[in-house]
Amino acid sequence: MGAAGSKLEKALGDQFPEGERYFGLENFGNTCYCNSVLQALYFCVPFREQLLEYYASNKSTGDAEENLLTCLADLFTQISSQKKKTGVIAPKRFVQRLKKQNELFRSYMHQDAHEFLNFLLNELVDILEKEAKAVKSDTETSSPPENTANGSKSALPNVTLVIFLYQGILTNETRCLQCETVTARDETFFDLSLDIEQNSSITSCLKNFSSTETLNAEDKFFCDKCCSLQEAQKRMKIKKPPHILVIHLKRFKYIEQLGRYKKLSYRVVFPLELKLSNTMEDSDIEYSLFAVVVHVGSGPNHGHYVSLVKSHNHWLFFDDENVEMIDESAVQTFFGSAQEYSSNTDHGYILFYESITATNKS
């Protein structure tokens, strides 16, 4: 990486962002699924800052139990505190902890980056919620001065770390066509999994996600008001959008006739700026793309993952140990293939968008 690192420093020259670090991650045998997601998360700046803060406020308690959160905070701190601007880091402790925690990731087989991301975010929420409960019970049994001295106070806000940034709320609405009663059920999400079609766009996929579906024949809905099965209309709406919107493109589809999963190489255009006005009423919320996890390969059970990341208005390409600069225009080469059989097998798989507010518009 020495040569590649110095090449990257040369490419950025005096535009190299002050205090920023661009480090590749070592691959421990098919751990590219993990490396690509970790890079996307590291360059989610508000998330990184919260983790660095978490590490700083918890390092004094040396006997703290090791978990995925402490390992991730440790890794992010390790990267951000490097003396060199570029290089390679081995996320060994994190990967070992991940394998210990979940047998799904223990083998050296090709893993799914989306499954890993989902598992990680849910695991972080569980850890933070347990910590918040422990802090609350400590606070209730100790006097206020001790509470401040042992750092408990600083631990409380961390519970919102993942929830505030990544969690949104969906509303599942069902309208009975007999009595017009609307039944609404809210559910939380960390990412939106979208069905994809050939030569489509994220906007059209989001429209399909929120389109109305009629429940009839065998799929009739049991209406509590009518006390019977009735025809109904059902739709999903985004009720509360997250600060970081993660979109998972469902590129792996089970084909009945083949009896296996097949990769859909469809061309799906994902914009650098995304508006949610199509899927949310009264919403003028805008998002800016800052990371893409890309699946490279023709099938679901083999292949490779890389990531594209936007940092300080530059786009970077992370491929395990290697990091290089790319032009913004290169992002569109990862939309997918307009023809089914194409030599290009590098397709956008997980997209990370950050909401643009007056403060972070850049």
Protein backbone atom coordinates (compact mmCIF):
# COMPACT_ATOMS: atom_id res chain seq x y z
CA MET A 1 0.00 0.00 0.00
CA GLY A 2 3.07 2.25 0.45
CA ALA A 3 3.21 3.16 -3.24
CA ALA A 4 -0.57 3.37 -3.57
CA GLY A 5 -0.75 5.48 -0.41
CA SER A 6 1.85 7.95 -1.61
CA LYS A 7 0.09 7.98 -5.02
CA LEU A 8 -3.15 8.98 -3.29
CA GLU A 9 -1.36 11.68 -1.28
CA LYS A 10 0.24 12.92 -4.51
CA ALA A 11 -3.14 12.94 -6.30
CA LEU A 12 -4.74 15.01 -3.53
CA GLY A 13 -1.64 17.18 -2.97
CA ASP A 14 -2.39 20.27 -0.89
CA GLN A 15 -6.10 19.40 -1.16
CA PHE A 16 -5.58 16.50 1.27
CA PRO A 17 -8.20 17.22 3.96
CA GLU A 18 -6.67 18.27 7.25
CA GLY A 19 -6.98 15.62 9.95
CA GLU A 20 -8.51 13.06 7.56
CA ARG A 21 -7.14 9.51 7.17
CA TYR A 22 -7.58 7.21 4.17
CA PHE A 23 -6.67 3.67 5.18
CA GLY A 24 -7.29 0.39 3.40
CA LEU A 25 -8.41 -2.62 5.44
CA GLU A 26 -6.66 -5.98 5.35
CA ASN A 27 -8.69 -8.93 4.07
CA PHE A 28 -8.71 -12.02 6.33
CA GLY A 29 -10.00 -14.42 3.67
CA ASN A 30 -13.29 -13.31 2.11
CA THR A 31 -13.86 -10.47 4.60
CA CYS A 32 -14.37 -7.91 1.81
CA TYR A 33 -18.13 -7.87 2.71
CA CYS A 34 -17.10 -6.52 6.11
CA ASN A 35 -14.37 -4.13 4.88
CA SER A 36 -16.60 -2.45 2.29
CA VAL A 37 -19.37 -1.76 4.85
CA LEU A 38 -16.89 -0.57 7.50
CA GLN A 39 -15.47 2.01 5.07
CA ALA A 40 -18.99 3.30 4.29
CA LEU A 41 -19.73 3.58 8.03
CA TYR A 42 -16.39 5.26 8.80
CA PHE A 43 -17.13 7.98 6.25
CA CYS A 44 -20.56 8.57 7.74
CA VAL A 45 -19.03 11.47 9.68
CA PRO A 46 -21.71 11.97 12.41
CA PHE A 47 -21.57 8.23 13.18
CA ARG A 48 -17.77 8.23 13.26
CA GLU A 49 -17.70 11.26 15.58
CA GLN A 50 -20.15 9.62 17.99
CA LEU A 51 -18.07 6.42 18.05
CA LEU A 52 -14.82 8.31 18.70
CA GLU A 53 -16.59 10.14 21.53
CA TYR A 54 -17.90 6.83 22.87
CA TYR A 55 -14.38 5.37 22.83
CA ALA A 56 -12.91 8.42 24.60
CA SER A 57 -15.57 8.43 27.33
CA ASN A 58 -15.33 4.67 27.95
CA LYS A 59 -11.59 3.96 27.68
CA SER A 60 -11.08 4.79 31.37
CA THR A 61 -13.15 1.71 32.28
CA GLY A 62 -10.50 -0.76 31.15
CA ASP A 63 -12.37 -3.77 32.50
CA ALA A 64 -15.38 -3.06 30.25
CA GLU A 65 -16.65 -6.13 28.46
CA GLU A 66 -15.52 -6.41 24.83
CA ASN A 67 -18.34 -6.38 22.28
CA LEU A 68 -18.88 -5.32 18.67
CA LEU A 69 -19.42 -1.70 19.70
CA THR A 70 -16.17 -1.44 21.67
CA CYS A 71 -14.29 -3.19 18.82
CA LEU A 72 -15.77 -0.85 16.21
CA ALA A 73 -15.05 2.26 18.32
CA ASP A 74 -11.50 0.96 18.84
CA LEU A 75 -11.02 0.42 15.08
CA PHE A 76 -12.34 3.89 14.18
CA THR A 77 -10.09 5.46 16.82
CA GLN A 78 -7.12 3.48 15.50
CA ILE A 79 -7.73 4.81 11.95
CA SER A 80 -8.37 8.41 12.95
CA SER A 81 -5.32 8.64 15.24
CA GLN A 82 -2.76 7.33 12.73
CA LYS A 83 0.31 9.55 12.25
CA LYS A 84 0.40 8.75 8.53
CA LYS A 85 -2.34 10.04 6.25
CA THR A 86 -2.68 6.81 4.27
CA GLY A 87 -1.84 3.16 4.78
CA VAL A 88 -3.40 -0.20 5.73
CA ILE A 89 -4.96 -1.32 9.00
CA ALA A 90 -5.90 -4.86 9.99
CA PRO A 91 -9.41 -4.92 11.57
CA LYS A 92 -8.44 -8.22 13.23
CA ARG A 93 -10.07 -7.64 16.63
CA PHE A 94 -13.35 -6.56 15.05
CA VAL A 95 -13.49 -9.54 12.63
CA GLN A 96 -12.63 -12.01 15.41
CA ARG A 97 -15.39 -10.56 17.59
CA LEU A 98 -17.87 -10.70 14.69
CA LYS A 99 -17.12 -14.40 14.07
CA LYS A 100 -17.36 -15.15 17.78
CA GLN A 101 -20.70 -13.36 17.99
CA ASN A 102 -22.40 -14.84 14.92
CA GLU A 103 -21.68 -18.26 13.41
CA LEU A 104 -23.07 -17.04 10.07
CA PHE A 105 -19.81 -15.11 9.54
CA ARG A 106 -17.46 -17.85 10.79
CA SER A 107 -16.81 -19.64 7.53
CA TYR A 108 -14.49 -18.46 4.77
CA MET A 109 -17.37 -18.56 2.31
CA HIS A 110 -18.66 -15.49 0.45
CA GLN A 111 -20.93 -13.51 2.80
CA ASP A 112 -23.62 -10.94 2.09
CA ALA A 113 -22.67 -7.32 2.87
CA HIS A 114 -26.30 -6.33 3.49
CA GLU A 115 -26.82 -9.14 6.01
CA PHE A 116 -23.67 -8.02 7.80
CA LEU A 117 -24.76 -4.35 7.90
CA ASN A 118 -28.19 -5.29 9.23
CA PHE A 119 -26.75 -7.56 11.90
CA LEU A 120 -24.20 -4.93 12.96
CA LEU A 121 -26.66 -2.04 13.32
CA ASN A 122 -29.15 -4.17 15.29
CA GLU A 123 -26.35 -5.47 17.50
CA LEU A 124 -25.11 -1.93 18.24
CA VAL A 125 -28.64 -0.87 19.24
CA ASP A 126 -28.94 -3.89 21.58
CA ILE A 127 -25.59 -3.09 23.24
CA LEU A 128 -26.45 0.60 23.68
CA GLU A 129 -29.89 -0.16 25.10
CA LYS A 130 -28.38 -2.57 27.65
CA GLU A 131 -25.80 0.06 28.60
CA ALA A 132 -28.47 2.73 28.99
CA LYS A 133 -30.48 0.44 31.31
CA ALA A 134 -27.36 -0.28 33.38
CA VAL A 135 -26.54 3.44 33.59
CA LYS A 136 -30.13 4.21 34.60
CA SER A 137 -30.12 1.65 37.41
CA ASP A 138 -26.66 2.87 38.56
CA THR A 139 -27.95 6.45 38.57
CA GLU A 140 -30.97 5.47 40.64
CA THR A 141 -28.84 3.72 43.26
CA SER A 142 -25.98 6.24 43.47
CA SER A 143 -25.88 9.86 44.57
CA PRO A 144 -25.70 12.58 41.85
CA PRO A 145 -22.02 13.56 42.41
CA GLU A 146 -20.80 9.94 41.93
CA ASN A 147 -22.94 9.67 38.82
CA THR A 148 -21.12 12.58 37.19
CA ALA A 149 -17.71 11.44 38.34
CA ASN A 150 -17.91 7.92 36.91
CA GLY A 151 -18.76 9.15 33.44
CA SER A 152 -22.28 7.73 33.42
CA LYS A 153 -23.70 11.05 32.35
CA SER A 154 -21.72 11.05 29.11
CA ALA A 155 -22.81 7.49 28.33
CA LEU A 156 -26.53 8.31 28.24
CA PRO A 157 -26.70 10.24 24.93
CA ASN A 158 -24.97 7.35 23.16
CA VAL A 159 -28.17 5.35 23.11
CA THR A 160 -29.31 7.56 20.25
CA LEU A 161 -26.07 6.90 18.34
CA VAL A 162 -27.54 4.42 15.85
CA ILE A 163 -31.25 5.09 16.34
CA PHE A 164 -31.09 8.82 15.62
CA LEU A 165 -28.89 8.44 12.54
CA TYR A 166 -30.11 5.29 10.82
CA GLN A 167 -33.60 4.47 12.10
CA GLY A 168 -36.67 5.61 10.21
CA ILE A 169 -40.36 4.74 10.59
CA LEU A 170 -42.58 3.13 7.95
CA THR A 171 -46.37 3.11 8.10
CA ASN A 172 -48.19 0.10 6.74
CA GLU A 173 -51.69 1.35 5.79
CA THR A 174 -54.59 -0.96 4.94
CA ARG A 175 -57.95 0.46 3.83
CA CYS A 176 -61.01 -1.78 3.92
CA LEU A 177 -62.92 -1.30 0.66
CA GLN A 178 -66.22 -2.20 2.37
CA CYS A 179 -66.27 0.24 5.32
CA GLU A 180 -63.35 2.53 4.34
CA THR A 181 -61.66 2.05 7.73
CA VAL A 182 -57.91 2.59 7.59
CA THR A 183 -55.71 0.41 9.76
CA ALA A 184 -52.18 1.81 10.20
CA ARG A 185 -49.23 -0.04 11.70
CA ASP A 186 -45.85 1.60 12.27
CA GLU A 187 -42.57 -0.26 12.00
CA THR A 188 -38.97 0.89 12.31
CA PHE A 189 -36.28 0.30 9.68
CA PHE A 190 -32.51 0.72 9.33
CA ASP A 191 -32.56 0.32 5.56
CA LEU A 192 -35.07 0.10 2.73
CA SER A 193 -34.83 -3.07 0.62
CA LEU A 194 -36.08 -2.23 -2.86
CA ASP A 195 -37.16 -4.55 -5.67
CA ILE A 196 -35.42 -3.54 -8.89
CA GLU A 197 -36.31 -3.59 -12.58
CA GLN A 198 -34.19 -3.30 -15.72
CA ASN A 199 -33.33 0.28 -16.79
CA SER A 200 -34.98 1.88 -13.79
CA SER A 201 -34.00 4.45 -11.16
CA ILE A 202 -34.04 4.72 -7.36
CA THR A 203 -36.98 7.13 -7.68
CA SER A 204 -39.07 4.60 -9.65
CA CYS A 205 -38.07 1.80 -7.23
CA LEU A 206 -39.19 3.98 -4.30
CA LYS A 207 -42.47 4.72 -6.11
CA ASN A 208 -43.08 0.98 -6.55
CA PHE A 209 -42.21 0.43 -2.88
CA SER A 210 -44.98 2.88 -1.89
CA SER A 211 -47.50 1.85 -4.55
CA THR A 212 -51.00 0.67 -3.62
CA GLU A 213 -51.67 -3.06 -3.73
CA THR A 214 -55.17 -4.55 -3.78
CA LEU A 215 -55.81 -7.49 -1.46
CA ASN A 216 -58.51 -9.73 -2.88
CA ALA A 217 -59.42 -13.37 -3.58
CA GLU A 218 -57.19 -15.50 -1.27
CA ASP A 219 -55.36 -12.43 0.04
CA LYS A 220 -58.39 -10.71 1.57
CA PHE A 221 -57.83 -8.67 4.73
CA PHE A 222 -59.62 -9.36 8.02
CA CYS A 223 -61.33 -6.09 8.91
CA ASP A 224 -61.97 -5.68 12.66
CA LYS A 225 -64.86 -3.29 12.04
CA CYS A 226 -66.64 -5.56 9.53
CA CYS A 227 -65.60 -8.66 11.55
CA SER A 228 -64.95 -10.50 8.29
CA LEU A 229 -62.52 -10.91 5.40
CA GLN A 230 -62.80 -8.03 2.98
CA GLU A 231 -61.12 -6.68 -0.13
CA ALA A 232 -58.67 -3.96 0.84
CA GLN A 233 -55.96 -1.65 -0.43
CA LYS A 234 -52.54 -1.72 1.15
CA ARG A 235 -49.54 0.61 0.90
CA MET A 236 -46.25 1.35 2.63
CA LYS A 237 -45.27 4.95 3.37
CA ILE A 238 -42.21 6.51 4.93
CA LYS A 239 -43.60 8.25 8.01
CA LYS A 240 -40.30 9.46 9.48
CA PRO A 241 -37.22 9.45 7.28
CA PRO A 242 -33.85 8.74 8.92
CA HIS A 243 -30.92 11.15 8.91
CA ILE A 244 -28.87 8.50 7.07
CA LEU A 245 -30.99 6.71 4.47
CA VAL A 246 -29.58 3.29 3.56
CA ILE A 247 -31.02 1.72 0.41
CA HIS A 248 -30.45 -1.95 -0.35
CA LEU A 249 -31.04 -2.97 -3.97
CA LYS A 250 -32.42 -6.52 -4.10
CA ARG A 251 -29.94 -7.83 -6.67
CA PHE A 252 -30.21 -11.46 -5.58
CA LYS A 253 -33.47 -13.12 -6.57
CA TYR A 254 -34.61 -16.69 -6.01
CA ILE A 255 -35.55 -18.26 -9.35
CA GLU A 256 -38.03 -21.13 -8.88
CA GLN A 257 -37.16 -22.85 -12.17
CA LEU A 258 -33.45 -22.84 -11.35
CA GLY A 259 -33.94 -23.69 -7.68
CA ARG A 260 -31.29 -21.12 -6.72
CA TYR A 261 -30.54 -17.42 -6.38
CA LYS A 262 -29.51 -15.41 -9.40
CA LYS A 263 -27.82 -12.02 -9.49
CA LEU A 264 -29.79 -9.29 -11.28
CA SER A 265 -27.29 -7.07 -13.07
CA TYR A 266 -30.06 -4.56 -13.97
CA ARG A 267 -29.12 -0.96 -14.59
CA VAL A 268 -30.57 1.10 -11.73
CA VAL A 269 -29.67 4.78 -11.75
CA PHE A 270 -28.92 6.20 -8.32
CA PRO A 271 -28.59 10.00 -8.21
CA LEU A 272 -25.99 11.96 -6.25
CA GLU A 273 -28.88 14.03 -4.84
CA LEU A 274 -32.17 12.31 -3.95
CA LYS A 275 -35.54 13.83 -3.07
CA LEU A 276 -38.07 11.83 -1.08
CA SER A 277 -41.09 13.82 -2.28
CA ASN A 278 -42.43 10.82 -4.24
CA THR A 279 -42.70 8.50 -1.26
CA MET A 280 -43.59 10.96 1.47
CA GLU A 281 -46.39 13.45 1.64
CA ASP A 282 -45.38 17.01 2.54
CA SER A 283 -41.72 16.15 2.36
CA ASP A 284 -39.12 18.27 0.68
CA ILE A 285 -36.29 16.37 2.37
CA GLU A 286 -33.17 15.99 0.25
CA TYR A 287 -30.37 13.49 0.53
CA SER A 288 -26.81 13.44 -0.74
CA LEU A 289 -25.03 10.20 -1.69
CA PHE A 290 -21.84 9.64 0.30
CA ALA A 291 -21.10 5.90 -0.04
CA VAL A 292 -21.89 2.90 -2.24
CA VAL A 293 -21.11 -0.74 -1.44
CA VAL A 294 -20.56 -2.47 -4.78
CA HIS A 295 -20.92 -6.19 -5.51
CA VAL A 296 -18.44 -7.40 -8.12
CA GLY A 297 -19.21 -10.74 -9.80
CA SER A 298 -21.87 -12.57 -11.75
CA GLY A 299 -23.43 -14.68 -8.98
CA PRO A 300 -24.63 -14.46 -5.37
CA ASN A 301 -22.32 -17.12 -3.91
CA HIS A 302 -19.03 -15.77 -5.14
CA GLY A 303 -17.57 -12.43 -6.04
CA HIS A 304 -16.12 -9.46 -4.24
CA TYR A 305 -17.20 -6.26 -2.49
CA VAL A 306 -15.65 -2.81 -2.85
CA SER A 307 -16.88 0.61 -1.78
CA LEU A 308 -17.04 4.12 -3.20
CA VAL A 309 -16.92 6.91 -0.66
CA LYS A 310 -17.33 10.68 -0.85
CA SER A 311 -15.07 12.55 1.54
CA HIS A 312 -14.56 16.33 1.53
CA ASN A 313 -16.01 16.55 -2.02
CA HIS A 314 -13.59 13.91 -3.37
CA TRP A 315 -14.67 10.40 -4.40
CA LEU A 316 -12.49 7.49 -3.29
CA PHE A 317 -12.46 3.82 -4.26
CA PHE A 318 -11.76 1.32 -1.45
CA ASP A 319 -10.85 -2.24 -2.41
CA ASP A 320 -9.63 -3.96 0.80
CA GLU A 321 -6.02 -2.74 1.21
CA ASN A 322 -6.12 -0.45 -1.81
CA VAL A 323 -7.44 3.11 -1.83
CA GLU A 324 -7.46 5.39 -4.86
CA MET A 325 -9.12 8.57 -6.04
CA ILE A 326 -11.83 8.41 -8.70
CA ASP A 327 -13.77 11.04 -10.62
CA GLU A 328 -17.36 11.70 -9.59
CA SER A 329 -18.39 10.74 -13.14
CA ALA A 330 -17.05 7.19 -12.48
CA VAL A 331 -19.87 6.59 -9.98
CA GLN A 332 -22.33 6.04 -12.85
CA THR A 333 -20.29 3.06 -14.12
CA PHE A 334 -21.69 1.17 -11.09
CA PHE A 335 -25.39 1.62 -12.01
CA GLY A 336 -25.55 -1.85 -13.56
CA SER A 337 -25.82 -3.31 -17.06
CA ALA A 338 -28.47 -2.39 -19.62
CA GLN A 339 -27.99 -5.82 -21.28
CA GLU A 340 -28.34 -9.08 -19.37
CA TYR A 341 -24.98 -10.48 -20.41
CA SER A 342 -22.33 -7.84 -19.98
CA SER A 343 -18.66 -7.89 -19.11
CA ASN A 344 -19.35 -5.26 -16.43
CA THR A 345 -20.21 -7.06 -13.18
CA ASP A 346 -19.60 -4.15 -10.77
CA HIS A 347 -23.03 -3.12 -9.52
CA GLY A 348 -24.19 -0.76 -6.78
CA TYR A 349 -25.71 -2.88 -4.00
CA ILE A 350 -26.07 -0.72 -0.84
CA LEU A 351 -26.42 3.05 -1.10
CA PHE A 352 -25.80 5.47 1.78
CA TYR A 353 -27.47 8.90 1.64
CA GLU A 354 -27.18 11.66 4.22
CA SER A 355 -29.94 14.23 4.61
CA ILE A 356 -28.87 17.71 3.54
CA THR A 357 -29.63 20.41 6.08
CA ALA A 358 -28.69 24.08 6.08
CA THR A 359 -25.70 23.26 8.26
CA ASN A 360 -24.18 20.43 6.26
CA LYS A 361 -24.92 21.53 2.70
CA SER A 362 -21.56 21.53 0.98
